Amino acid sequence: MKLMKQMELKLPARGGKRKGAGRKPKGDKAGVSHVRRPDFKPRHPVHVTMRLLPGVGFLRGYSRRRAIENALREVKLRFGMRVVHYSIQGNHLHLIVECDEPSALSRAIQGLAIRLARALNRLAGRAGKVFSDRFHSHVLKTLREVVCAVPYVLENFRHHLREDVAPQGADPCSSAGWSGDDGPFSAPRTWLLLQVAESPVRTNSSGRTARSTRYQPRAICCR
């Protein structure tokens, strides 16, 4: 007696990697990925970028700039995060931060974002969402990365402002525009940031004493 062969029934597969799956970007460009952020060591600084919606207004204006700096002061020594360098651009912020406990980074940035949203919404006479996406973070693991990141943050206005309107010397909308310990930032503690030497204090075009944005590494020299 001949045995019958069982035929295979092809059903649509479920689960696994599928073409076109996943959250689609809300705008023309994909935003920051929602995958788990990589772990890092407390000795590694982090470059953080926070982008805001157009309706919030021009961030380099006097009132919004002061509101941002006040929010930075409020989180100066809170949440286990220290903002060592910052710069305010028209629609985004750059921060270089240190964290004693890397797991506290997201909580600390969230605390800062809440304070920024309240202050900026109050100035704009609006309510609702302020940030266009999740914050972007890049861990600075080497001295070369730190040497490149610090001047990039402090001189970022050169990428966005025309030469005829860009400030001369240090950017007043950044941590380079402050002297002494009264600024809305903290002194570095990590070895990598401590190796970035500041050039002497000088005066910018407005007559304000400013920290120089020219940084050279003590251990290596990038050309």
Protein backbone atom coordinates (compact mmCIF):
# COMPACT_ATOMS: atom_id res chain seq x y z
CA MET A 1 0.00 0.00 0.00
CA LYS A 2 1.51 3.35 -1.08
CA LEU A 3 1.81 5.99 1.67
CA MET A 4 0.52 9.51 0.96
CA LYS A 5 3.01 12.38 1.29
CA GLN A 6 1.93 15.26 3.49
CA MET A 7 1.86 18.53 1.54
CA GLU A 8 3.32 21.67 3.08
CA LEU A 9 0.96 24.54 3.79
CA LYS A 10 2.69 27.88 3.25
CA LEU A 11 1.37 30.44 5.70
CA PRO A 12 2.51 34.07 6.04
CA ALA A 13 5.39 34.34 8.51
CA ARG A 14 4.93 36.32 11.70
CA GLY A 15 7.57 38.16 13.68
CA GLY A 16 11.20 38.63 12.79
CA LYS A 17 12.77 41.21 10.53
CA ARG A 18 10.44 42.46 7.81
CA LYS A 19 11.04 44.94 5.03
CA GLY A 20 9.43 48.30 5.75
CA ALA A 21 8.72 47.51 9.40
CA GLY A 22 9.28 50.01 12.20
CA ARG A 23 8.27 53.56 13.05
CA LYS A 24 8.32 55.93 10.08
CA PRO A 25 9.94 59.39 10.38
CA LYS A 26 7.50 62.23 10.98
CA GLY A 27 9.34 64.67 8.70
CA ASP A 28 11.58 64.55 5.68
CA LYS A 29 14.43 63.06 7.67
CA ALA A 30 14.56 60.19 10.11
CA GLY A 31 14.91 61.26 13.72
CA VAL A 32 17.01 59.88 16.55
CA SER A 33 16.74 56.11 16.81
CA HIS A 34 14.63 54.66 19.62
CA VAL A 35 17.01 51.77 20.21
CA ARG A 36 18.59 51.48 23.64
CA ARG A 37 21.34 54.04 24.14
CA PRO A 38 24.80 52.50 24.48
CA ASP A 39 26.38 52.25 27.92
CA PHE A 40 29.50 54.30 28.64
CA LYS A 41 32.05 54.77 31.38
CA PRO A 42 31.83 57.69 33.86
CA ARG A 43 35.25 58.83 32.62
CA HIS A 44 33.82 59.48 29.15
CA PRO A 45 32.17 62.86 28.45
CA VAL A 46 29.08 62.95 26.23
CA HIS A 47 28.19 65.39 23.46
CA VAL A 48 24.42 66.03 23.59
CA THR A 49 22.33 67.81 20.95
CA MET A 50 18.76 68.98 21.65
CA ARG A 51 16.66 70.25 18.72
CA LEU A 52 13.59 72.44 19.22
CA LEU A 53 10.51 73.14 17.13
CA PRO A 54 10.34 76.33 15.00
CA GLY A 55 7.38 77.74 16.98
CA VAL A 56 9.51 78.16 20.09
CA GLY A 57 11.38 81.11 18.57
CA PHE A 58 14.96 82.13 17.91
CA LEU A 59 16.98 80.79 20.84
CA ARG A 60 19.87 83.26 20.56
CA GLY A 61 17.59 86.20 21.37
CA TYR A 62 18.30 87.84 24.72
CA SER A 63 15.22 86.64 26.67
CA ARG A 64 15.35 83.05 25.40
CA ARG A 65 19.08 82.84 25.89
CA ARG A 66 18.71 83.96 29.53
CA ALA A 67 15.89 81.46 30.05
CA ILE A 68 18.10 78.65 28.73
CA GLU A 69 21.03 79.70 30.91
CA ASN A 70 18.77 79.86 33.98
CA ALA A 71 17.57 76.31 33.25
CA LEU A 72 21.19 75.18 32.96
CA ARG A 73 21.90 76.76 36.36
CA GLU A 74 19.01 74.85 37.94
CA VAL A 75 20.45 71.49 36.83
CA LYS A 76 24.07 72.55 37.37
CA LEU A 77 24.67 70.17 40.26
CA ARG A 78 21.53 68.04 40.10
CA PHE A 79 20.61 64.65 38.66
CA GLY A 80 24.24 63.48 38.69
CA MET A 81 25.11 65.41 35.52
CA ARG A 82 27.49 68.34 34.99
CA VAL A 83 27.25 70.60 31.94
CA VAL A 84 30.87 71.52 31.22
CA HIS A 85 30.42 73.28 27.87
CA TYR A 86 27.36 74.50 25.99
CA SER A 87 26.36 76.61 23.00
CA ILE A 88 22.97 78.00 22.01
CA GLN A 89 22.11 78.09 18.30
CA GLY A 90 18.99 79.33 16.54
CA ASN A 91 16.96 76.15 16.94
CA HIS A 92 19.15 73.70 18.88
CA LEU A 93 21.52 73.34 21.82
CA HIS A 94 24.90 71.66 22.09
CA LEU A 95 26.10 70.37 25.46
CA ILE A 96 29.19 68.51 26.61
CA VAL A 97 28.33 66.80 29.87
CA GLU A 98 29.83 64.48 32.46
CA CYS A 99 27.86 61.89 34.44
CA ASP A 100 28.99 60.17 37.61
CA GLU A 101 26.47 57.43 36.84
CA PRO A 102 25.88 56.89 33.09
CA SER A 103 22.37 55.56 33.71
CA ALA A 104 21.44 59.06 35.00
CA LEU A 105 22.03 60.78 31.65
CA SER A 106 18.51 60.32 30.27
CA ARG A 107 16.90 61.37 33.55
CA ALA A 108 19.12 64.45 33.78
CA ILE A 109 18.41 65.55 30.21
CA GLN A 110 14.71 64.99 30.84
CA GLY A 111 14.88 67.25 33.91
CA LEU A 112 16.63 69.92 31.84
CA ALA A 113 14.13 69.54 28.98
CA ILE A 114 11.16 70.07 31.33
CA ARG A 115 12.64 73.32 32.65
CA LEU A 116 13.48 74.51 29.15
CA ALA A 117 10.00 73.70 27.85
CA ARG A 118 8.25 75.61 30.65
CA ALA A 119 10.44 78.69 30.29
CA LEU A 120 10.40 78.85 26.48
CA ASN A 121 6.67 78.17 26.21
CA ARG A 122 6.04 80.98 28.71
CA LEU A 123 8.08 83.41 26.60
CA ALA A 124 6.42 82.33 23.35
CA GLY A 125 2.91 82.41 24.84
CA ARG A 126 2.27 78.87 23.73
CA ALA A 127 1.77 75.41 25.17
CA GLY A 128 2.62 71.93 24.07
CA LYS A 129 5.62 70.17 22.64
CA VAL A 130 8.92 72.06 22.47
CA PHE A 131 11.50 69.52 21.28
CA SER A 132 11.33 68.12 17.76
CA ASP A 133 12.91 64.78 18.66
CA ARG A 134 14.76 62.82 21.30
CA PHE A 135 18.13 64.21 22.27
CA HIS A 136 21.10 62.93 20.31
CA SER A 137 24.13 61.75 22.26
CA HIS A 138 27.66 60.84 21.25
CA VAL A 139 30.08 59.38 23.78
CA LEU A 140 33.57 60.89 23.60
CA LYS A 141 35.89 57.98 24.31
CA THR A 142 39.25 59.32 23.14
CA LEU A 143 41.29 62.47 23.64
CA ARG A 144 41.15 63.17 19.92
CA GLU A 145 37.34 63.10 19.99
CA VAL A 146 37.28 65.54 22.92
CA VAL A 147 39.79 67.86 21.25
CA CYS A 148 37.56 67.99 18.16
CA ALA A 149 34.23 68.17 20.03
CA VAL A 150 34.97 71.10 22.36
CA PRO A 151 35.80 73.68 19.66
CA TYR A 152 33.00 72.29 17.50
CA VAL A 153 30.49 73.06 20.25
CA LEU A 154 31.90 76.44 21.27
CA GLU A 155 32.35 77.67 17.69
CA ASN A 156 29.24 76.08 16.24
CA PHE A 157 27.80 79.51 15.43
CA ARG A 158 30.26 79.72 12.52
CA HIS A 159 28.31 76.93 10.82
CA HIS A 160 24.96 78.71 11.13
CA LEU A 161 25.49 82.49 11.09
CA ARG A 162 26.62 84.71 8.22
CA GLU A 163 30.01 86.31 8.66
CA ASP A 164 28.53 89.80 8.79
CA VAL A 165 26.29 88.96 11.77
CA ALA A 166 28.46 86.38 13.54
CA PRO A 167 30.14 87.62 16.74
CA GLN A 168 33.86 88.30 16.73
CA GLY A 169 35.87 86.13 19.07
CA ALA A 170 34.11 84.04 21.70
CA ASP A 171 30.43 83.32 21.23
CA PRO A 172 28.40 85.14 23.93
CA CYS A 173 25.72 82.44 23.61
CA SER A 174 28.07 79.74 24.83
CA SER A 175 30.13 78.79 27.85
CA ALA A 176 33.12 80.45 26.13
CA GLY A 177 31.48 83.83 26.75
CA TRP A 178 31.80 83.57 30.53
CA SER A 179 34.65 84.09 32.95
CA GLY A 180 34.93 83.01 36.56
CA ASP A 181 32.63 80.58 38.32
CA ASP A 182 29.32 82.39 37.88
CA GLY A 183 28.40 80.77 34.57
CA PRO A 184 25.70 78.13 34.11
CA PHE A 185 28.24 75.34 33.74
CA SER A 186 30.55 73.24 35.90
CA ALA A 187 34.29 72.66 35.96
CA PRO A 188 35.39 69.41 34.31
CA ARG A 189 36.34 66.41 36.42
CA THR A 190 37.02 63.73 33.83
CA TRP A 191 40.61 63.22 32.73
CA LEU A 192 39.72 63.67 29.05
CA LEU A 193 38.21 67.14 29.51
CA LEU A 194 40.93 68.19 31.94
CA GLN A 195 43.52 67.51 29.24
CA VAL A 196 42.01 70.17 26.98
CA ALA A 197 43.97 73.29 27.83
CA GLU A 198 42.41 76.74 27.65
CA SER A 199 44.32 79.60 26.13
CA PRO A 200 44.56 82.84 28.15
CA VAL A 201 41.45 84.86 28.93
CA ARG A 202 40.83 87.69 26.46
CA THR A 203 38.24 90.36 25.75
CA ASN A 204 35.74 90.07 22.89
CA SER A 205 34.45 92.84 20.61
CA SER A 206 31.79 93.93 23.11
CA GLY A 207 34.41 94.52 25.82
CA ARG A 208 33.25 91.49 27.79
CA THR A 209 35.84 89.20 29.32
CA ALA A 210 35.57 85.85 27.64
CA ARG A 211 37.07 82.42 27.85
CA SER A 212 38.94 81.70 24.63
CA THR A 213 37.57 79.12 22.22
CA ARG A 214 41.03 78.10 21.03
CA TYR A 215 41.76 74.76 22.59
CA GLN A 216 44.88 72.68 22.23
CA PRO A 217 45.42 69.24 23.77
CA ARG A 218 48.16 68.76 26.29
CA ALA A 219 48.92 65.23 25.21
CA ILE A 220 48.47 65.32 21.43
CA CYS A 221 48.08 67.95 18.73
CA CYS A 222 45.47 67.64 15.98
CA ARG A 223 46.35 69.38 12.74
